[in-house]
Amino acid sequence: MTHAAARHTPTARGIKALLLACVLTGAWPQPAAAQPDLMSTLSAVVAVEALVPTDARTAAILGEERLGTGIVIDGAGLVVTIGYLILEATDAWVRTGGGQRVPADLLAYDHETGFGLLRAQAPLDKVVPMALGDSEALVEGAPAVIASYGGPGVLQPVVTVSRRDFAGYWEYLLEDAIFTNPPYRYFGGAALMSTGGRLVGVGSLIVPDAALEPTTVPGNMFVPVARLKAVLADLIVSGRSASPLRPWLGVYAEEREDGGVVVLNLADDGPALAAGIEPGDVIVSAGDVRVHGLADFYRKLWNGRGPGDRVTLTVERGGEPRSIDVLGGNRYRWLRLKSHP
């Protein structure tokens, strides 16, 4: 879940050159006269800076000082970003393309979708909010544009190379994720925009397998904005989506080519560690139902269960099966957040 930091403020000349490149490649089919409107759209792309305490659960992996991109989506300074940029943060700031730096309130972290929300504590000068677009229309082969705050490539034309479920090793499952190519380095919280200049996705990862057929190619994974629309009101009011909490085990696992799920590591003080799960264990079944692959494991683990519910995992260790009862935990309570559900 490493993130990319954007470190350079774009110049007007640089942005205009990149806009022209997008027009010439067909990624943004707008006439030159439309460029001022496009410049206004890009004003919504801001930097997000966050400070995380040394003792935070994610400090060692994601760092104590985090820098990435966010997108202003309303006139009151509401900024959407990728959640890991602000996860367990105590302080945050928003910085505009004009150099204005404003403290921000941390509103939400939602593990289920991966989104994070902030709100600037003061008005943002010369920033026009970006409209939310239709991510469902971003089918395979559709062009789009990635925009981040700063970096050597402020804008990059891309092509949607696949739409499929993404299962992360940290007990994360995103259905119908957007995958694009070519890969973009400054992906953390970056805006994926339609050719009409609307927000259709938020940057999460760089991956080696954005496309699988006819050959595997690298690229980026974006969280579709359709998922944001579905939970935005909940995030603003409650800090997370209103869907029922899922049981969390504290297992970091990977999927083998044969569909086996292998435990790589375990979260400190997590339920799986306490129950006796060990690195190297191969998870065979959850609740007596055989699993095949990470996504299938998560779905069968979460099905009808929540924090406090017990699940029996069958694992293979040293070639021998064994059954281990694990008491599902609450990830939000394990994380050192300012508040939790």
Protein backbone atom coordinates (compact mmCIF):
# COMPACT_ATOMS: atom_id res chain seq x y z
CA MET A 1 0.00 0.00 0.00
CA THR A 2 2.90 2.32 -0.61
CA HIS A 3 1.95 5.77 -1.82
CA ALA A 4 3.65 8.17 -4.21
CA ALA A 5 4.42 11.73 -3.20
CA ALA A 6 4.07 14.74 -5.49
CA ARG A 7 6.71 17.34 -4.80
CA HIS A 8 6.67 20.05 -7.48
CA THR A 9 4.14 22.79 -8.09
CA PRO A 10 3.16 22.85 -11.79
CA THR A 11 3.81 26.01 -13.78
CA ALA A 12 1.17 27.50 -16.07
CA ARG A 13 3.44 26.88 -19.07
CA GLY A 14 3.93 23.25 -18.04
CA ILE A 15 0.21 22.65 -17.62
CA LYS A 16 -0.57 24.20 -21.01
CA ALA A 17 2.04 21.99 -22.67
CA LEU A 18 0.59 18.91 -21.03
CA LEU A 19 -2.93 19.93 -21.99
CA LEU A 20 -1.82 20.25 -25.59
CA ALA A 21 -0.26 16.78 -25.40
CA CYS A 22 -3.56 15.37 -24.13
CA VAL A 23 -5.45 17.04 -26.98
CA LEU A 24 -2.99 15.73 -29.58
CA THR A 25 -3.16 12.17 -28.24
CA GLY A 26 -6.94 12.30 -28.20
CA ALA A 27 -7.12 11.71 -24.45
CA TRP A 28 -8.83 15.05 -23.95
CA PRO A 29 -10.54 15.97 -27.23
CA GLN A 30 -11.15 19.65 -26.55
CA PRO A 31 -10.34 22.62 -28.79
CA ALA A 32 -7.70 25.11 -27.71
CA ALA A 33 -10.40 27.64 -26.82
CA ALA A 34 -11.66 25.29 -24.10
CA GLN A 35 -8.34 25.24 -22.23
CA PRO A 36 -9.27 27.96 -19.68
CA ASP A 37 -12.19 25.80 -18.51
CA LEU A 38 -9.85 22.86 -18.25
CA MET A 39 -7.44 24.94 -16.19
CA SER A 40 -10.32 25.66 -13.80
CA THR A 41 -11.06 21.94 -13.58
CA LEU A 42 -7.44 21.23 -12.68
CA SER A 43 -7.55 23.82 -9.90
CA ALA A 44 -9.49 21.20 -7.90
CA VAL A 45 -6.43 18.92 -7.82
CA VAL A 46 -4.61 19.72 -4.57
CA ALA A 47 -1.87 18.31 -2.40
CA VAL A 48 -2.75 16.46 0.79
CA GLU A 49 -0.19 16.47 3.60
CA ALA A 50 -0.64 14.43 6.77
CA LEU A 51 1.27 13.80 9.99
CA VAL A 52 0.95 10.44 11.72
CA PRO A 53 2.18 9.62 15.25
CA THR A 54 5.20 7.36 15.64
CA ASP A 55 3.15 4.78 17.53
CA ALA A 56 0.43 4.54 14.85
CA ARG A 57 -0.18 1.02 13.55
CA THR A 58 0.56 2.12 9.99
CA ALA A 59 3.53 4.42 10.69
CA ALA A 60 6.20 1.83 9.92
CA ILE A 61 4.63 0.81 6.60
CA LEU A 62 3.18 4.06 5.28
CA GLY A 63 5.39 6.58 7.06
CA GLU A 64 4.80 9.35 9.58
CA GLU A 65 4.81 12.16 6.99
CA ARG A 66 2.55 11.46 4.02
CA LEU A 67 2.12 13.49 0.86
CA GLY A 68 -0.17 12.82 -2.07
CA THR A 69 -3.08 14.20 -4.03
CA GLY A 70 -6.68 15.08 -3.23
CA ILE A 71 -9.59 16.45 -5.24
CA VAL A 72 -11.87 19.30 -4.10
CA ILE A 73 -15.46 18.22 -4.77
CA ASP A 74 -17.61 20.97 -3.23
CA GLY A 75 -17.59 24.69 -2.61
CA ALA A 76 -16.93 24.29 1.12
CA GLY A 77 -13.48 22.73 0.75
CA LEU A 78 -14.43 19.05 0.86
CA VAL A 79 -11.52 16.97 -0.43
CA VAL A 80 -11.59 13.30 -1.38
CA THR A 81 -8.37 11.32 -1.41
CA ILE A 82 -7.20 7.77 -0.98
CA GLY A 83 -7.66 6.75 2.63
CA TYR A 84 -4.19 5.50 3.44
CA LEU A 85 -2.76 9.00 3.02
CA ILE A 86 -4.63 10.18 6.11
CA LEU A 87 -5.05 6.89 7.99
CA GLU A 88 -4.28 7.43 11.72
CA ALA A 89 -3.24 11.03 11.01
CA THR A 90 -3.56 13.65 13.72
CA ASP A 91 -2.93 16.69 11.52
CA ALA A 92 -3.48 17.41 7.84
CA TRP A 93 -3.17 20.24 5.33
CA VAL A 94 -4.42 20.98 1.84
CA ARG A 95 -2.20 22.86 -0.60
CA THR A 96 -3.53 24.38 -3.82
CA GLY A 97 -1.75 24.79 -7.14
CA GLY A 98 -1.37 28.47 -6.30
CA GLY A 99 0.65 27.60 -3.20
CA GLN A 100 -2.04 28.29 -0.58
CA ARG A 101 -1.64 25.89 2.37
CA VAL A 102 -4.63 25.44 4.66
CA PRO A 103 -5.12 23.16 7.70
CA ALA A 104 -7.76 20.51 7.14
CA ASP A 105 -10.14 18.59 9.35
CA LEU A 106 -9.95 14.80 9.05
CA LEU A 107 -13.51 13.71 8.32
CA ALA A 108 -13.45 10.07 7.27
CA TYR A 109 -11.51 6.92 6.62
CA ASP A 110 -13.50 4.09 5.08
CA HIS A 111 -11.69 0.77 4.77
CA GLU A 112 -14.44 -0.86 2.76
CA THR A 113 -14.09 1.51 -0.19
CA GLY A 114 -10.61 2.90 0.48
CA PHE A 115 -11.66 6.57 0.45
CA GLY A 116 -10.59 9.31 2.81
CA LEU A 117 -12.22 12.72 3.29
CA LEU A 118 -10.92 16.04 4.57
CA ARG A 119 -12.33 19.54 4.73
CA ALA A 120 -10.19 22.66 4.45
CA GLN A 121 -10.57 24.92 7.46
CA ALA A 122 -10.47 28.09 5.34
CA PRO A 123 -11.71 29.01 1.85
CA LEU A 124 -9.49 27.81 -0.98
CA ASP A 125 -8.59 30.61 -3.36
CA LYS A 126 -9.24 30.18 -7.10
CA VAL A 127 -10.33 26.56 -6.74
CA VAL A 128 -13.29 25.29 -8.74
CA PRO A 129 -14.68 21.99 -7.39
CA MET A 130 -14.48 19.02 -9.75
CA ALA A 131 -17.77 17.43 -10.70
CA LEU A 132 -18.29 13.72 -10.10
CA GLY A 133 -18.61 11.73 -13.31
CA ASP A 134 -19.92 8.34 -14.39
CA SER A 135 -17.28 5.72 -13.60
CA GLU A 136 -19.58 2.98 -14.89
CA ALA A 137 -19.10 4.41 -18.40
CA LEU A 138 -15.34 3.86 -18.17
CA VAL A 139 -15.35 0.52 -19.96
CA GLU A 140 -12.35 -1.39 -21.25
CA GLY A 141 -10.66 0.61 -23.99
CA ALA A 142 -12.05 3.97 -22.84
CA PRO A 143 -9.56 6.87 -22.66
CA ALA A 144 -9.05 8.89 -19.50
CA VAL A 145 -6.57 11.33 -17.96
CA ILE A 146 -4.71 11.09 -14.64
CA ALA A 147 -4.06 14.36 -12.81
CA SER A 148 -1.93 14.68 -9.68
CA TYR A 149 -0.56 17.57 -7.69
CA GLY A 150 2.92 18.30 -9.00
CA GLY A 151 5.42 15.67 -10.07
CA PRO A 152 7.17 15.62 -13.45
CA GLY A 153 3.94 14.50 -15.14
CA VAL A 154 1.01 16.55 -13.87
CA LEU A 155 -1.26 14.99 -16.48
CA GLN A 156 -1.05 11.64 -18.20
CA PRO A 157 -3.36 10.25 -20.86
CA VAL A 158 -4.24 6.62 -20.15
CA VAL A 159 -6.48 3.86 -21.42
CA THR A 160 -8.78 1.72 -19.31
CA VAL A 161 -7.37 -1.79 -19.74
CA SER A 162 -9.65 -3.76 -17.41
CA ARG A 163 -12.51 -3.61 -14.91
CA ARG A 164 -12.40 -6.38 -12.33
CA ASP A 165 -12.35 -7.15 -8.62
CA PHE A 166 -9.17 -6.37 -6.70
CA ALA A 167 -8.23 -8.30 -3.56
CA GLY A 168 -5.50 -6.76 -1.39
CA TYR A 169 -3.35 -8.70 1.05
CA TRP A 170 -4.56 -6.47 3.92
CA GLU A 171 -8.11 -7.93 3.99
CA TYR A 172 -9.39 -5.53 1.36
CA LEU A 173 -11.72 -6.28 -1.53
CA LEU A 174 -12.77 -3.71 -4.12
CA GLU A 175 -15.31 -4.86 -6.66
CA ASP A 176 -15.20 -3.54 -10.23
CA ALA A 177 -11.93 -1.64 -9.76
CA ILE A 178 -10.61 0.48 -12.63
CA PHE A 179 -7.23 -0.47 -14.09
CA THR A 180 -5.35 1.84 -16.48
CA ASN A 181 -2.17 1.82 -18.54
CA PRO A 182 0.52 3.16 -18.86
CA PRO A 183 1.59 3.22 -15.19
CA TYR A 184 1.71 6.58 -13.43
CA ARG A 185 4.17 7.14 -10.61
CA TYR A 186 2.29 9.80 -8.62
CA PHE A 187 -0.82 7.70 -8.10
CA GLY A 188 -1.61 8.25 -4.41
CA GLY A 189 -4.99 10.04 -4.38
CA ALA A 190 -4.61 11.13 -8.02
CA ALA A 191 -7.69 12.12 -9.99
CA LEU A 192 -8.78 9.86 -12.82
CA MET A 193 -10.79 12.12 -15.11
CA SER A 194 -13.10 11.39 -18.00
CA THR A 195 -12.43 13.12 -21.29
CA GLY A 196 -15.16 15.54 -20.25
CA GLY A 197 -13.19 16.65 -17.19
CA ARG A 198 -15.21 14.86 -14.50
CA LEU A 199 -13.85 12.78 -11.64
CA VAL A 200 -14.34 9.05 -12.27
CA GLY A 201 -11.76 7.47 -9.96
CA VAL A 202 -9.25 8.08 -7.16
CA GLY A 203 -5.74 6.64 -7.41
CA SER A 204 -4.84 3.79 -5.10
CA LEU A 205 -1.98 1.63 -6.37
CA ILE A 206 0.56 0.89 -9.04
CA VAL A 207 0.24 -2.76 -10.08
CA PRO A 208 2.16 -5.18 -12.32
CA ASP A 209 -1.01 -6.72 -13.76
CA ALA A 210 -3.38 -3.90 -14.77
CA ALA A 211 -4.24 -5.99 -17.82
CA LEU A 212 -4.07 -9.77 -17.91
CA GLU A 213 -4.99 -10.49 -21.53
CA PRO A 214 -3.64 -10.90 -24.13
CA THR A 215 -0.51 -10.18 -22.10
CA THR A 216 0.14 -8.90 -18.59
CA VAL A 217 0.93 -5.17 -18.50
CA PRO A 218 1.59 -2.84 -15.56
CA GLY A 219 -0.54 0.15 -14.66
CA ASN A 220 -2.61 1.72 -11.89
CA MET A 221 -5.67 0.76 -9.90
CA PHE A 222 -8.34 3.38 -9.17
CA VAL A 223 -11.33 3.29 -6.83
CA PRO A 224 -14.43 4.09 -8.94
CA VAL A 225 -16.27 7.29 -8.04
CA ALA A 226 -19.53 5.31 -8.14
CA ARG A 227 -18.45 3.86 -4.79
CA LEU A 228 -17.96 7.38 -3.43
CA LYS A 229 -21.42 8.52 -4.50
CA ALA A 230 -22.95 5.59 -2.65
CA VAL A 231 -21.31 6.40 0.69
CA LEU A 232 -20.50 10.12 0.61
CA ALA A 233 -23.27 11.19 2.97
CA ASP A 234 -22.30 8.46 5.45
CA LEU A 235 -18.65 9.47 5.33
CA ILE A 236 -19.45 13.09 6.07
CA VAL A 237 -21.80 12.28 8.94
CA SER A 238 -20.22 9.18 10.49
CA GLY A 239 -16.63 8.98 9.26
CA ARG A 240 -17.21 5.66 7.46
CA SER A 241 -19.83 3.92 5.40
CA ALA A 242 -22.97 2.72 7.16
CA SER A 243 -22.61 -0.87 5.94
CA PRO A 244 -22.24 -3.50 8.69
CA LEU A 245 -18.74 -3.91 10.04
CA ARG A 246 -16.88 -6.96 8.80
CA PRO A 247 -14.83 -9.30 10.99
CA TRP A 248 -11.13 -8.50 10.84
CA LEU A 249 -8.51 -11.19 11.44
CA GLY A 250 -5.22 -9.34 11.08
CA VAL A 251 -3.98 -11.69 8.36
CA TYR A 252 -1.72 -10.53 5.55
CA ALA A 253 -2.00 -13.12 2.80
CA GLU A 254 -1.30 -13.71 -0.87
CA GLU A 255 -2.91 -15.83 -3.53
CA ARG A 256 -0.85 -18.53 -5.22
CA GLU A 257 -1.20 -19.41 -8.90
CA ASP A 258 -3.20 -22.50 -7.92
CA GLY A 259 -5.65 -20.36 -5.90
CA GLY A 260 -4.18 -21.24 -2.54
CA VAL A 261 -4.18 -18.52 0.13
CA VAL A 262 -0.89 -18.32 2.03
CA VAL A 263 -0.38 -16.32 5.23
CA LEU A 264 2.58 -13.97 4.80
CA ASN A 265 2.44 -12.14 8.10
CA LEU A 266 0.14 -11.25 11.00
CA ALA A 267 -0.89 -7.96 12.56
CA ASP A 268 0.50 -7.27 16.02
CA ASP A 269 -2.17 -7.84 18.65
CA GLY A 270 -4.51 -9.12 15.94
CA PRO A 271 -7.10 -11.90 16.37
CA ALA A 272 -5.34 -14.37 14.06
CA LEU A 273 -2.04 -14.05 15.91
CA ALA A 274 -3.80 -14.57 19.24
CA ALA A 275 -5.57 -17.64 17.88
CA GLY A 276 -2.36 -19.33 16.74
CA ILE A 277 -2.31 -18.70 12.98
CA GLU A 278 1.30 -18.65 11.73
CA PRO A 279 3.12 -17.27 8.66
CA GLY A 280 3.30 -19.98 6.05
CA ASP A 281 -0.09 -21.47 6.91
CA VAL A 282 -2.22 -22.19 3.86
CA ILE A 283 -5.88 -21.29 4.46
CA VAL A 284 -8.02 -24.11 3.11
CA SER A 285 -11.49 -23.18 4.34
CA ALA A 286 -13.43 -20.60 6.33
CA GLY A 287 -16.34 -21.87 8.36
CA ASP A 288 -16.05 -25.32 6.80
CA VAL A 289 -16.43 -23.83 3.29
CA ARG A 290 -13.45 -24.33 1.01
CA VAL A 291 -11.84 -21.16 -0.37
CA HIS A 292 -10.17 -20.53 -3.70
CA GLY A 293 -8.22 -17.30 -3.94
CA LEU A 294 -8.12 -14.14 -1.83
CA ALA A 295 -11.41 -12.63 -3.00
CA ASP A 296 -13.23 -15.89 -2.36
CA PHE A 297 -11.64 -16.18 1.09
CA TYR A 298 -12.79 -12.67 2.06
CA ARG A 299 -16.33 -13.22 0.83
CA LYS A 300 -16.68 -16.48 2.73
CA LEU A 301 -15.07 -15.05 5.84
CA TRP A 302 -17.35 -11.98 5.88
CA ASN A 303 -20.56 -13.76 4.89
CA GLY A 304 -23.06 -13.20 7.71
CA ARG A 305 -20.36 -12.36 10.26
CA GLY A 306 -19.18 -9.29 12.11
CA PRO A 307 -16.70 -8.31 14.83
CA GLY A 308 -17.09 -10.62 17.83
CA ASP A 309 -18.21 -13.60 15.74
CA ARG A 310 -16.10 -16.74 15.76
CA VAL A 311 -14.96 -18.42 12.53
CA THR A 312 -13.17 -21.73 12.17
CA LEU A 313 -10.28 -21.64 9.73
CA THR A 314 -8.85 -24.86 8.37
CA VAL A 315 -5.18 -24.40 7.53
CA GLU A 316 -2.44 -26.65 6.25
CA ARG A 317 0.79 -26.43 8.21
CA GLY A 318 3.66 -28.69 7.27
CA GLY A 319 1.32 -30.64 5.03
CA GLU A 320 -1.07 -31.42 7.88
CA PRO A 321 -4.56 -29.87 8.25
CA ARG A 322 -5.65 -28.27 11.49
CA SER A 323 -8.69 -26.29 12.60
CA ILE A 324 -8.22 -22.99 14.41
CA ASP A 325 -11.02 -20.87 15.87
CA VAL A 326 -10.51 -17.13 15.39
CA LEU A 327 -12.62 -14.44 17.04
CA GLY A 328 -13.30 -11.70 14.49
CA GLY A 329 -12.01 -8.29 15.54
CA ASN A 330 -12.85 -4.67 14.76
CA ARG A 331 -10.20 -3.12 12.53
CA TYR A 332 -11.26 0.43 13.42
CA ARG A 333 -10.71 -0.24 17.11
CA TRP A 334 -7.32 -1.81 16.44
CA LEU A 335 -6.19 1.21 14.44
CA ARG A 336 -5.17 4.21 16.52
CA LEU A 337 -7.74 6.61 15.15
CA LYS A 338 -8.98 9.80 16.76
CA SER A 339 -12.34 8.10 16.99
CA HIS A 340 -13.83 4.79 15.87
CA PRO A 341 -17.27 3.27 15.22
